[in-house]
PDB file of N, CA and C in Angstrom:
ATOM      1  N   MET A   1     103.737 145.852  81.897  1.00  0.00           N
ATOM      2  CA  MET A   1     103.495 145.250  83.210  1.00  0.00           C
ATOM      3  C   MET A   1     104.398 144.024  83.378  1.00  0.00           C
ATOM      4  N   GLU A   2     105.002 143.912  84.537  1.00  0.00           N
ATOM      5  CA  GLU A   2     105.908 142.804  84.813  1.00  0.00           C
ATOM      6  C   GLU A   2     105.127 141.535  85.161  1.00  0.00           C
ATOM      7  N   THR A   3     105.693 140.430  84.744  1.00  0.00           N
ATOM      8  CA  THR A   3     105.062 139.158  85.080  1.00  0.00           C
ATOM      9  C   THR A   3     105.475 138.748  86.492  1.00  0.00           C
ATOM     10  N   ILE A   4     104.724 137.842  87.039  1.00  0.00           N
ATOM     11  CA  ILE A   4     105.030 137.334  88.381  1.00  0.00           C
ATOM     12  C   ILE A   4     106.429 136.731  88.407  1.00  0.00           C
ATOM     13  N   THR A   5     106.786 135.982  87.363  1.00  0.00           N
ATOM     14  CA  THR A   5     108.101 135.356  87.304  1.00  0.00           C
ATOM     15  C   THR A   5     109.206 136.395  87.346  1.00  0.00           C
ATOM     16  N   ASN A   6     109.033 137.491  86.608  1.00  0.00           N
ATOM     17  CA  ASN A   6     110.040 138.557  86.612  1.00  0.00           C
ATOM     18  C   ASN A   6     110.140 139.226  87.980  1.00  0.00           C
ATOM     19  N   ILE A   7     109.015 139.441  88.612  1.00  0.00           N
ATOM     20  CA  ILE A   7     109.012 140.065  89.935  1.00  0.00           C
ATOM     21  C   ILE A   7     109.719 139.163  90.946  1.00  0.00           C
ATOM     22  N   ILE A   8     109.420 137.858  90.890  1.00  0.00           N
ATOM     23  CA  ILE A   8     110.063 136.909  91.796  1.00  0.00           C
ATOM     24  C   ILE A   8     111.573 136.921  91.594  1.00  0.00           C
ATOM     25  N   ALA A   9     111.998 136.903  90.332  1.00  0.00           N
ATOM     26  CA  ALA A   9     113.433 136.892  90.033  1.00  0.00           C
ATOM     27  C   ALA A   9     114.084 138.227  90.408  1.00  0.00           C
ATOM     28  N   GLN A  10     113.420 139.329  90.109  1.00  0.00           N
ATOM     29  CA  GLN A  10     113.989 140.655  90.362  1.00  0.00           C
ATOM     30  C   GLN A  10     114.234 140.889  91.849  1.00  0.00           C
ATOM     31  N   TYR A  11     113.331 140.453  92.651  1.00  0.00           N
ATOM     32  CA  TYR A  11     113.450 140.689  94.091  1.00  0.00           C
ATOM     33  C   TYR A  11     114.004 139.483  94.850  1.00  0.00           C
ATOM     34  N   HIS A  12     114.468 138.481  94.125  1.00  0.00           N
ATOM     35  CA  HIS A  12     115.077 137.282  94.720  1.00  0.00           C
ATOM     36  C   HIS A  12     114.145 136.635  95.745  1.00  0.00           C
ATOM     37  N   LEU A  13     112.925 136.417  95.317  1.00  0.00           N
ATOM     38  CA  LEU A  13     111.908 135.864  96.207  1.00  0.00           C
ATOM     39  C   LEU A  13     111.809 134.339  96.141  1.00  0.00           C
ATOM     40  N   GLU A  14     112.675 133.698  95.360  1.00  0.00           N
ATOM     41  CA  GLU A  14     112.592 132.248  95.206  1.00  0.00           C
ATOM     42  C   GLU A  14     112.700 131.525  96.547  1.00  0.00           C
ATOM     43  N   GLY A  15     113.614 131.964  97.397  1.00  0.00           N
ATOM     44  CA  GLY A  15     113.795 131.321  98.702  1.00  0.00           C
ATOM     45  C   GLY A  15     112.549 131.405  99.559  1.00  0.00           C
ATOM     46  N   LEU A  16     111.923 132.582  99.564  1.00  0.00           N
ATOM     47  CA  LEU A  16     110.687 132.729 100.340  1.00  0.00           C
ATOM     48  C   LEU A  16     109.560 131.892  99.750  1.00  0.00           C
ATOM     49  N   LEU A  17     109.499 131.846  98.423  1.00  0.00           N
ATOM     50  CA  LEU A  17     108.476 131.045  97.755  1.00  0.00           C
ATOM     51  C   LEU A  17     108.658 129.566  98.084  1.00  0.00           C
ATOM     52  N   VAL A  18     109.881 129.071  97.977  1.00  0.00           N
ATOM     53  CA  VAL A  18     110.153 127.663  98.280  1.00  0.00           C
ATOM     54  C   VAL A  18     109.888 127.380  99.760  1.00  0.00           C
ATOM     55  N   GLY A  19     110.278 128.284 100.639  1.00  0.00           N
ATOM     56  CA  GLY A  19     110.032 128.094 102.071  1.00  0.00           C
ATOM     57  C   GLY A  19     108.557 128.022 102.388  1.00  0.00           C
ATOM     58  N   ALA A  20     107.772 128.940 101.834  1.00  0.00           N
ATOM     59  CA  ALA A  20     106.324 128.947 102.082  1.00  0.00           C
ATOM     60  C   ALA A  20     105.670 127.701 101.493  1.00  0.00           C
ATOM     61  N   ALA A  21     106.085 127.332 100.284  1.00  0.00           N
ATOM     62  CA  ALA A  21     105.510 126.146  99.646  1.00  0.00           C
ATOM     63  C   ALA A  21     105.871 124.887 100.431  1.00  0.00           C
ATOM     64  N   THR A  22     107.094 124.806 100.926  1.00  0.00           N
ATOM     65  CA  THR A  22     107.510 123.657 101.734  1.00  0.00           C
ATOM     66  C   THR A  22     106.662 123.550 102.993  1.00  0.00           C
ATOM     67  N   PHE A  23     106.441 124.674 103.637  1.00  0.00           N
ATOM     68  CA  PHE A  23     105.592 124.721 104.826  1.00  0.00           C
ATOM     69  C   PHE A  23     104.193 124.184 104.504  1.00  0.00           C
ATOM     70  N   LEU A  24     103.626 124.622 103.381  1.00  0.00           N
ATOM     71  CA  LEU A  24     102.286 124.182 102.996  1.00  0.00           C
ATOM     72  C   LEU A  24     102.262 122.701 102.609  1.00  0.00           C
ATOM     73  N   ILE A  25     103.305 122.235 101.914  1.00  0.00           N
ATOM     74  CA  ILE A  25     103.360 120.828 101.517  1.00  0.00           C
ATOM     75  C   ILE A  25     103.426 119.934 102.748  1.00  0.00           C
ATOM     76  N   ILE A  26     104.293 120.255 103.682  1.00  0.00           N
ATOM     77  CA  ILE A  26     104.406 119.460 104.906  1.00  0.00           C
ATOM     78  C   ILE A  26     103.090 119.512 105.680  1.00  0.00           C
ATOM     79  N   GLY A  27     102.481 120.685 105.731  1.00  0.00           N
ATOM     80  CA  GLY A  27     101.187 120.825 106.399  1.00  0.00           C
ATOM     81  C   GLY A  27     100.096 120.003 105.734  1.00  0.00           C
ATOM     82  N   LEU A  28     100.177 119.826 104.427  1.00  0.00           N
ATOM     83  CA  LEU A  28      99.200 119.026 103.703  1.00  0.00           C
ATOM     84  C   LEU A  28      99.377 117.535 103.991  1.00  0.00           C
ATOM     85  N   PHE A  29     100.616 117.093 104.147  1.00  0.00           N
ATOM     86  CA  PHE A  29     100.863 115.671 104.361  1.00  0.00           C
ATOM     87  C   PHE A  29     100.403 115.201 105.732  1.00  0.00           C
ATOM     88  N   HIS A  30     100.347 116.065 106.723  1.00  0.00           N
ATOM     89  CA  HIS A  30      99.889 115.653 108.061  1.00  0.00           C
ATOM     90  C   HIS A  30      98.460 115.092 108.016  1.00  0.00           C
ATOM     91  N   PRO A  31      97.485 115.833 107.469  1.00  0.00           N
ATOM     92  CA  PRO A  31      96.141 115.248 107.402  1.00  0.00           C
ATOM     93  C   PRO A  31      96.042 114.088 106.410  1.00  0.00           C
ATOM     94  N   LEU A  32      96.896 114.063 105.372  1.00  0.00           N
ATOM     95  CA  LEU A  32      96.877 112.929 104.445  1.00  0.00           C
ATOM     96  C   LEU A  32      97.259 111.637 105.159  1.00  0.00           C
ATOM     97  N   VAL A  33      98.225 111.724 106.055  1.00  0.00           N
ATOM     98  CA  VAL A  33      98.632 110.547 106.844  1.00  0.00           C
ATOM     99  C   VAL A  33      97.482 110.113 107.753  1.00  0.00           C
ATOM    100  N   ILE A  34      96.857 111.055 108.432  1.00  0.00           N
ATOM    101  CA  ILE A  34      95.764 110.729 109.351  1.00  0.00           C
ATOM    102  C   ILE A  34      94.601 110.089 108.597  1.00  0.00           C
ATOM    103  N   LYS A  35      94.178 110.706 107.502  1.00  0.00           N
ATOM    104  CA  LYS A  35      93.054 110.180 106.725  1.00  0.00           C
ATOM    105  C   LYS A  35      93.423 108.875 106.035  1.00  0.00           C
ATOM    106  N   GLY A  36      94.660 108.785 105.544  1.00  0.00           N
ATOM    107  CA  GLY A  36      95.094 107.554 104.889  1.00  0.00           C
ATOM    108  C   GLY A  36      95.042 106.370 105.827  1.00  0.00           C
ATOM    109  N   GLU A  37      95.561 106.538 107.044  1.00  0.00           N
ATOM    110  CA  GLU A  37      95.530 105.448 108.019  1.00  0.00           C
ATOM    111  C   GLU A  37      94.089 105.132 108.408  1.00  0.00           C
ATOM    112  N   TYR A  38      93.263 106.136 108.556  1.00  0.00           N
ATOM    113  CA  TYR A  38      91.877 105.923 108.977  1.00  0.00           C
ATOM    114  C   TYR A  38      91.111 105.108 107.935  1.00  0.00           C
ATOM    115  N   TYR A  39      91.218 105.494 106.672  1.00  0.00           N
ATOM    116  CA  TYR A  39      90.428 104.846 105.630  1.00  0.00           C
ATOM    117  C   TYR A  39      91.086 103.597 105.037  1.00  0.00           C
ATOM    118  N   PHE A  40      92.413 103.543 104.988  1.00  0.00           N
ATOM    119  CA  PHE A  40      93.085 102.451 104.276  1.00  0.00           C
ATOM    120  C   PHE A  40      94.048 101.651 105.141  1.00  0.00           C
ATOM    121  N   GLY A  41      94.279 102.067 106.362  1.00  0.00           N
ATOM    122  CA  GLY A  41      95.229 101.366 107.219  1.00  0.00           C
ATOM    123  C   GLY A  41      96.654 101.596 106.758  1.00  0.00           C
ATOM    124  N   THR A  42      97.548 100.743 107.217  1.00  0.00           N
ATOM    125  CA  THR A  42      98.957 100.931 106.876  1.00  0.00           C
ATOM    126  C   THR A  42      99.254 100.557 105.434  1.00  0.00           C
ATOM    127  N   GLY A  43      98.307  99.960 104.740  1.00  0.00           N
ATOM    128  CA  GLY A  43      98.502  99.605 103.332  1.00  0.00           C
ATOM    129  C   GLY A  43      98.670 100.804 102.425  1.00  0.00           C
ATOM    130  N   CYS A  44      98.284 101.979 102.881  1.00  0.00           N
ATOM    131  CA  CYS A  44      98.418 103.169 102.028  1.00  0.00           C
ATOM    132  C   CYS A  44      99.866 103.647 101.944  1.00  0.00           C
ATOM    133  N   ARG A  45     100.767 102.969 102.662  1.00  0.00           N
ATOM    134  CA  ARG A  45     102.190 103.316 102.548  1.00  0.00           C
ATOM    135  C   ARG A  45     102.658 103.185 101.108  1.00  0.00           C
ATOM    136  N   TRP A  46     102.091 102.227 100.372  1.00  0.00           N
ATOM    137  CA  TRP A  46     102.497 102.029  98.982  1.00  0.00           C
ATOM    138  C   TRP A  46     102.161 103.249  98.135  1.00  0.00           C
ATOM    139  N   ALA A  47     101.042 103.890  98.388  1.00  0.00           N
ATOM    140  CA  ALA A  47     100.680 105.095  97.631  1.00  0.00           C
ATOM    141  C   ALA A  47     101.700 106.205  97.883  1.00  0.00           C
ATOM    142  N   PHE A  48     102.126 106.352  99.133  1.00  0.00           N
ATOM    143  CA  PHE A  48     103.144 107.354  99.439  1.00  0.00           C
ATOM    144  C   PHE A  48     104.477 107.001  98.779  1.00  0.00           C
ATOM    145  N   ALA A  49     104.804 105.703  98.743  1.00  0.00           N
ATOM    146  CA  ALA A  49     106.056 105.278  98.109  1.00  0.00           C
ATOM    147  C   ALA A  49     106.035 105.569  96.613  1.00  0.00           C
ATOM    148  N   VAL A  50     104.927 105.247  95.967  1.00  0.00           N
ATOM    149  CA  VAL A  50     104.809 105.494  94.528  1.00  0.00           C
ATOM    150  C   VAL A  50     104.871 106.994  94.242  1.00  0.00           C
ATOM    151  N   LEU A  51     104.134 107.783  95.012  1.00  0.00           N
ATOM    152  CA  LEU A  51     104.176 109.233  94.825  1.00  0.00           C
ATOM    153  C   LEU A  51     105.590 109.762  95.020  1.00  0.00           C
ATOM    154  N   GLY A  52     106.292 109.264  96.020  1.00  0.00           N
ATOM    155  CA  GLY A  52     107.657 109.702  96.272  1.00  0.00           C
ATOM    156  C   GLY A  52     108.584 109.411  95.113  1.00  0.00           C
ATOM    157  N   VAL A  53     108.496 108.199  94.582  1.00  0.00           N
ATOM    158  CA  VAL A  53     109.347 107.832  93.446  1.00  0.00           C
ATOM    159  C   VAL A  53     108.998 108.672  92.219  1.00  0.00           C
ATOM    160  N   LEU A  54     107.707 108.844  91.961  1.00  0.00           N
ATOM    161  CA  LEU A  54     107.290 109.660  90.812  1.00  0.00           C
ATOM    162  C   LEU A  54     107.792 111.098  90.933  1.00  0.00           C
ATOM    163  N   MET A  55     107.661 111.662  92.114  1.00  0.00           N
ATOM    164  CA  MET A  55     108.089 113.049  92.293  1.00  0.00           C
ATOM    165  C   MET A  55     109.607 113.185  92.248  1.00  0.00           C
ATOM    166  N   CYS A  56     110.337 112.137  92.630  1.00  0.00           N
ATOM    167  CA  CYS A  56     111.791 112.152  92.431  1.00  0.00           C
ATOM    168  C   CYS A  56     112.099 112.238  90.946  1.00  0.00           C
ATOM    169  N   GLY A  57     111.371 111.462  90.151  1.00  0.00           N
ATOM    170  CA  GLY A  57     111.552 111.522  88.702  1.00  0.00           C
ATOM    171  C   GLY A  57     111.223 112.886  88.141  1.00  0.00           C
ATOM    172  N   VAL A  58     110.136 113.471  88.608  1.00  0.00           N
ATOM    173  CA  VAL A  58     109.766 114.821  88.154  1.00  0.00           C
ATOM    174  C   VAL A  58     110.867 115.807  88.517  1.00  0.00           C
ATOM    175  N   SER A  59     111.386 115.696  89.719  1.00  0.00           N
ATOM    176  CA  SER A  59     112.440 116.599  90.165  1.00  0.00           C
ATOM    177  C   SER A  59     113.673 116.519  89.264  1.00  0.00           C
ATOM    178  N   LEU A  60     113.951 115.349  88.737  1.00  0.00           N
ATOM    179  CA  LEU A  60     115.118 115.169  87.876  1.00  0.00           C
ATOM    180  C   LEU A  60     114.933 115.720  86.470  1.00  0.00           C
ATOM    181  N   VAL A  61     113.700 115.779  85.989  1.00  0.00           N
ATOM    182  CA  VAL A  61     113.485 116.188  84.596  1.00  0.00           C
ATOM    183  C   VAL A  61     112.983 117.617  84.416  1.00  0.00           C
ATOM    184  N   VAL A  62     112.487 118.236  85.472  1.00  0.00           N
ATOM    185  CA  VAL A  62     111.980 119.607  85.363  1.00  0.00           C
ATOM    186  C   VAL A  62     113.160 120.569  85.247  1.00  0.00           C
ATOM    187  N   GLU A  63     113.068 121.489  84.323  1.00  0.00           N
ATOM    188  CA  GLU A  63     114.174 122.426  84.101  1.00  0.00           C
ATOM    189  C   GLU A  63     114.238 123.548  85.132  1.00  0.00           C
ATOM    190  N   SER A  64     113.096 123.971  85.617  1.00  0.00           N
ATOM    191  CA  SER A  64     113.052 125.055  86.591  1.00  0.00           C
ATOM    192  C   SER A  64     113.590 124.585  87.945  1.00  0.00           C
ATOM    193  N   THR A  65     114.548 125.309  88.471  1.00  0.00           N
ATOM    194  CA  THR A  65     115.123 124.947  89.768  1.00  0.00           C
ATOM    195  C   THR A  65     114.063 124.976  90.864  1.00  0.00           C
ATOM    196  N   THR A  66     113.231 125.994  90.861  1.00  0.00           N
ATOM    197  CA  THR A  66     112.200 126.122  91.893  1.00  0.00           C
ATOM    198  C   THR A  66     111.240 124.946  91.858  1.00  0.00           C
ATOM    199  N   TRP A  67     110.745 124.591  90.675  1.00  0.00           N
ATOM    200  CA  TRP A  67     109.799 123.474  90.564  1.00  0.00           C
ATOM    201  C   TRP A  67     110.484 122.147  90.859  1.00  0.00           C
ATOM    202  N   SER A  68     111.743 122.019  90.510  1.00  0.00           N
ATOM    203  CA  SER A  68     112.499 120.807  90.825  1.00  0.00           C
ATOM    204  C   SER A  68     112.627 120.641  92.342  1.00  0.00           C
ATOM    205  N   ILE A  69     112.926 121.735  93.016  1.00  0.00           N
ATOM    206  CA  ILE A  69     113.031 121.694  94.480  1.00  0.00           C
ATOM    207  C   ILE A  69     111.693 121.317  95.107  1.00  0.00           C
ATOM    208  N   LEU A  70     110.617 121.928  94.627  1.00  0.00           N
ATOM    209  CA  LEU A  70     109.305 121.636  95.194  1.00  0.00           C
ATOM    210  C   LEU A  70     108.896 120.186  94.936  1.00  0.00           C
ATOM    211  N   ALA A  71     109.240 119.649  93.770  1.00  0.00           N
ATOM    212  CA  ALA A  71     108.963 118.233  93.503  1.00  0.00           C
ATOM    213  C   ALA A  71     109.764 117.364  94.471  1.00  0.00           C
ATOM    214  N   GLY A  72     110.993 117.759  94.763  1.00  0.00           N
ATOM    215  CA  GLY A  72     111.805 117.030  95.734  1.00  0.00           C
ATOM    216  C   GLY A  72     111.217 117.090  97.129  1.00  0.00           C
ATOM    217  N   VAL A  73     110.673 118.228  97.488  1.00  0.00           N
ATOM    218  CA  VAL A  73     110.035 118.363  98.808  1.00  0.00           C
ATOM    219  C   VAL A  73     108.823 117.440  98.902  1.00  0.00           C
ATOM    220  N   VAL A  74     108.025 117.381  97.835  1.00  0.00           N
ATOM    221  CA  VAL A  74     106.872 116.471  97.829  1.00  0.00           C
ATOM    222  C   VAL A  74     107.351 115.025  97.907  1.00  0.00           C
ATOM    223  N   ALA A  75     108.420 114.702  97.155  1.00  0.00           N
ATOM    224  CA  ALA A  75     108.950 113.339  97.163  1.00  0.00           C
ATOM    225  C   ALA A  75     109.362 112.913  98.564  1.00  0.00           C
ATOM    226  N   PHE A  76     110.146 113.729  99.226  1.00  0.00           N
ATOM    227  CA  PHE A  76     110.646 113.319 100.537  1.00  0.00           C
ATOM    228  C   PHE A  76     109.601 113.470 101.633  1.00  0.00           C
ATOM    229  N   SER A  77     108.615 114.320 101.442  1.00  0.00           N
ATOM    230  CA  SER A  77     107.477 114.347 102.361  1.00  0.00           C
ATOM    231  C   SER A  77     106.693 113.040 102.235  1.00  0.00           C
ATOM    232  N   SER A  78     106.599 112.530 101.014  1.00  0.00           N
ATOM    233  CA  SER A  78     105.931 111.247 100.782  1.00  0.00           C
ATOM    234  C   SER A  78     106.695 110.112 101.459  1.00  0.00           C
ATOM    235  N   PHE A  79     108.018 110.115 101.301  1.00  0.00           N
ATOM    236  CA  PHE A  79     108.821 109.067 101.936  1.00  0.00           C
ATOM    237  C   PHE A  79     108.710 109.136 103.455  1.00  0.00           C
ATOM    238  N   TRP A  80     108.700 110.332 104.004  1.00  0.00           N
ATOM    239  CA  TRP A  80     108.553 110.489 105.455  1.00  0.00           C
ATOM    240  C   TRP A  80     107.186 109.976 105.903  1.00  0.00           C
ATOM    241  N   SER A  81     106.177 110.162 105.073  1.00  0.00           N
ATOM    242  CA  SER A  81     104.821 109.731 105.420  1.00  0.00           C
ATOM    243  C   SER A  81     104.722 108.226 105.553  1.00  0.00           C
ATOM    244  N   ILE A  82     105.581 107.475 104.868  1.00  0.00           N
ATOM    245  CA  ILE A  82     105.590 106.019 105.000  1.00  0.00           C
ATOM    246  C   ILE A  82     105.848 105.648 106.458  1.00  0.00           C
ATOM    247  N   LYS A  83     106.816 106.312 107.070  1.00  0.00           N
ATOM    248  CA  LYS A  83     107.125 106.085 108.481  1.00  0.00           C
ATOM    249  C   LYS A  83     105.984 106.590 109.370  1.00  0.00           C
ATOM    250  N   GLU A  84     105.437 107.723 109.016  1.00  0.00           N
ATOM    251  CA  GLU A  84     104.378 108.330 109.825  1.00  0.00           C
ATOM    252  C   GLU A  84     103.105 107.496 109.847  1.00  0.00           C
ATOM    253  N   ILE A  85     102.826 106.750 108.785  1.00  0.00           N
ATOM    254  CA  ILE A  85     101.634 105.895 108.763  1.00  0.00           C
ATOM    255  C   ILE A  85     101.715 104.872 109.894  1.00  0.00           C
ATOM    256  N   SER A  86     102.886 104.256 110.068  1.00  0.00           N
ATOM    257  CA  SER A  86     103.052 103.284 111.158  1.00  0.00           C
ATOM    258  C   SER A  86     102.909 103.967 112.513  1.00  0.00           C
ATOM    259  N   GLU A  87     103.468 105.149 112.637  1.00  0.00           N
ATOM    260  CA  GLU A  87     103.343 105.878 113.906  1.00  0.00           C
ATOM    261  C   GLU A  87     101.904 106.330 114.149  1.00  0.00           C
ATOM    262  N   GLN A  88     101.192 106.659 113.068  1.00  0.00           N
ATOM    263  CA  GLN A  88      99.788 107.036 113.211  1.00  0.00           C
ATOM    264  C   GLN A  88      98.978 105.852 113.727  1.00  0.00           C
ATOM    265  N   ARG A  89      99.284 104.651 113.247  1.00  0.00           N
ATOM    266  CA  ARG A  89      98.610 103.452 113.744  1.00  0.00           C
ATOM    267  C   ARG A  89      98.833 103.311 115.245  1.00  0.00           C
ATOM    268  N   GLU A  90     100.051 103.557 115.695  1.00  0.00           N
ATOM    269  CA  GLU A  90     100.344 103.491 117.128  1.00  0.00           C
ATOM    270  C   GLU A  90      99.552 104.543 117.903  1.00  0.00           C
ATOM    271  N   ARG A  91      99.413 105.721 117.329  1.00  0.00           N
ATOM    272  CA  ARG A  91      98.628 106.775 117.991  1.00  0.00           C
ATOM    273  C   ARG A  91      97.164 106.369 118.093  1.00  0.00           C
ATOM    274  N   VAL A  92      96.655 105.690 117.055  1.00  0.00           N
ATOM    275  CA  VAL A  92      95.273 105.200 117.095  1.00  0.00           C
ATOM    276  C   VAL A  92      95.130 104.145 118.185  1.00  0.00           C
ATOM    277  N   LEU A  93      96.090 103.230 118.275  1.00  0.00           N
ATOM    278  CA  LEU A  93      96.036 102.181 119.298  1.00  0.00           C
ATOM    279  C   LEU A  93      96.089 102.761 120.709  1.00  0.00           C
ATOM    280  N   LYS A  94      96.772 103.891 120.877  1.00  0.00           N
ATOM    281  CA  LYS A  94      96.835 104.550 122.186  1.00  0.00           C
ATOM    282  C   LYS A  94      95.564 105.338 122.495  1.00  0.00           C
ATOM    283  N   GLY A  95      94.697 105.473 121.505  1.00  0.00           N
ATOM    284  CA  GLY A  95      93.453 106.203 121.709  1.00  0.00           C
ATOM    285  C   GLY A  95      93.550 107.690 121.433  1.00  0.00           C
ATOM    286  N   TRP A  96      94.652 108.131 120.863  1.00  0.00           N
ATOM    287  CA  TRP A  96      94.831 109.552 120.586  1.00  0.00           C
ATOM    288  C   TRP A  96      94.053 109.996 119.348  1.00  0.00           C
ATOM    289  N   PHE A  97      93.748 109.051 118.456  1.00  0.00           N
ATOM    290  CA  PHE A  97      92.982 109.325 117.244  1.00  0.00           C
ATOM    291  C   PHE A  97      91.911 108.259 117.131  1.00  0.00           C
ATOM    292  N   PRO A  98      90.799 108.563 116.459  1.00  0.00           N
ATOM    293  CA  PRO A  98      89.708 107.580 116.370  1.00  0.00           C
ATOM    294  C   PRO A  98      90.050 106.420 115.434  1.00  0.00           C
ATOM    295  N   ARG A  99      89.483 105.264 115.782  1.00  0.00           N
ATOM    296  CA  ARG A  99      89.595 104.092 114.914  1.00  0.00           C
ATOM    297  C   ARG A  99      88.469 104.141 113.889  1.00  0.00           C
ATOM    298  N   ASN A 100      88.723 103.587 112.739  1.00  0.00           N
ATOM    299  CA  ASN A 100      87.671 103.445 111.744  1.00  0.00           C
ATOM    300  C   ASN A 100      86.861 102.201 112.103  1.00  0.00           C
ATOM    301  N   PRO A 101      85.583 102.361 112.451  1.00  0.00           N
ATOM    302  CA  PRO A 101      84.785 101.210 112.873  1.00  0.00           C
ATOM    303  C   PRO A 101      84.618 100.153 111.774  1.00  0.00           C
ATOM    304  N   LYS A 102      84.828 100.530 110.529  1.00  0.00           N
ATOM    305  CA  LYS A 102      84.721  99.576 109.429  1.00  0.00           C
ATOM    306  C   LYS A 102      85.969  98.706 109.304  1.00  0.00           C
ATOM    307  N   ARG A 103      87.016  99.027 110.062  1.00  0.00           N
ATOM    308  CA  ARG A 103      88.271  98.283 109.997  1.00  0.00           C
ATOM    309  C   ARG A 103      88.630  97.717 111.371  1.00  0.00           C
ATOM    310  N   LYS A 104      87.652  97.218 112.085  1.00  0.00           N
ATOM    311  CA  LYS A 104      87.868  96.755 113.467  1.00  0.00           C
ATOM    312  C   LYS A 104      88.960  95.702 113.578  1.00  0.00           C
ATOM    313  N   GLY A 105      89.001  94.743 112.678  1.00  0.00           N
ATOM    314  CA  GLY A 105      89.956  93.653 112.771  1.00  0.00           C
ATOM    315  C   GLY A 105      91.379  94.047 112.421  1.00  0.00           C
ATOM    316  N   ASP A 106      91.581  95.233 111.903  1.00  0.00           N
ATOM    317  CA  ASP A 106      92.914  95.666 111.483  1.00  0.00           C
ATOM    318  C   ASP A 106      93.837  96.003 112.643  1.00  0.00           C
ATOM    319  N   TYR A 107      93.306  96.102 113.833  1.00  0.00           N
ATOM    320  CA  TYR A 107      94.127  96.521 114.963  1.00  0.00           C
ATOM    321  C   TYR A 107      94.534  95.368 115.859  1.00  0.00           C
ATOM    322  N   GLY A 108      94.192  94.153 115.477  1.00  0.00           N
ATOM    323  CA  GLY A 108      94.648  92.977 116.196  1.00  0.00           C
ATOM    324  C   GLY A 108      93.969  92.699 117.518  1.00  0.00           C
ATOM    325  N   ASP A 109      92.975  93.494 117.870  1.00  0.00           N
ATOM    326  CA  ASP A 109      92.330  93.279 119.163  1.00  0.00           C
ATOM    327  C   ASP A 109      90.909  92.726 119.021  1.00  0.00           C
ATOM    328  N   GLU A 110      90.403  92.690 117.788  1.00  0.00           N
ATOM    329  CA  GLU A 110      89.069  92.152 117.561  1.00  0.00           C
ATOM    330  C   GLU A 110      89.104  91.317 116.295  1.00  0.00           C
ATOM    331  N   PRO A 111      88.316  90.260 116.236  1.00  0.00           N
ATOM    332  CA  PRO A 111      88.297  89.474 115.013  1.00  0.00           C
ATOM    333  C   PRO A 111      87.693  90.269 113.847  1.00  0.00           C
ATOM    334  N   ALA A 112      88.225  90.058 112.671  1.00  0.00           N
ATOM    335  CA  ALA A 112      87.726  90.757 111.489  1.00  0.00           C
ATOM    336  C   ALA A 112      86.271  90.369 111.246  1.00  0.00           C
ATOM    337  N   GLY A 113      85.471  91.331 110.833  1.00  0.00           N
ATOM    338  CA  GLY A 113      84.080  91.070 110.512  1.00  0.00           C
ATOM    339  C   GLY A 113      83.137  91.083 111.700  1.00  0.00           C
ATOM    340  N   HIS A 114      83.630  91.374 112.887  1.00  0.00           N
ATOM    341  CA  HIS A 114      82.761  91.411 114.077  1.00  0.00           C
ATOM    342  C   HIS A 114      82.610  92.808 114.578  1.00  0.00           C
TER     343      HIS A 114
END
């Protein structure tokens, strides 16, 4: 019986695998940005920065081309999320997404603790 790895290589499915995984990774980061801003505010940008740097390192040391590419996709999705956190805050201020009532003072329109 052939292994999954052999089947992927035999039928040259790496491109489809990377494409599908990239689609899922980007799709995963969208709700992470929304939830991150909701619960932690723009301060969660540091978590995305750290994850991005770590995944860049993983991409450099992993021997498998496919896994290296996927680590790179996670890294740059993380870096893109840093920008998206600020834009998510703007969307919250416009009323397009809910504000976290526990973080009222974080939006500059109400005093903290009130």
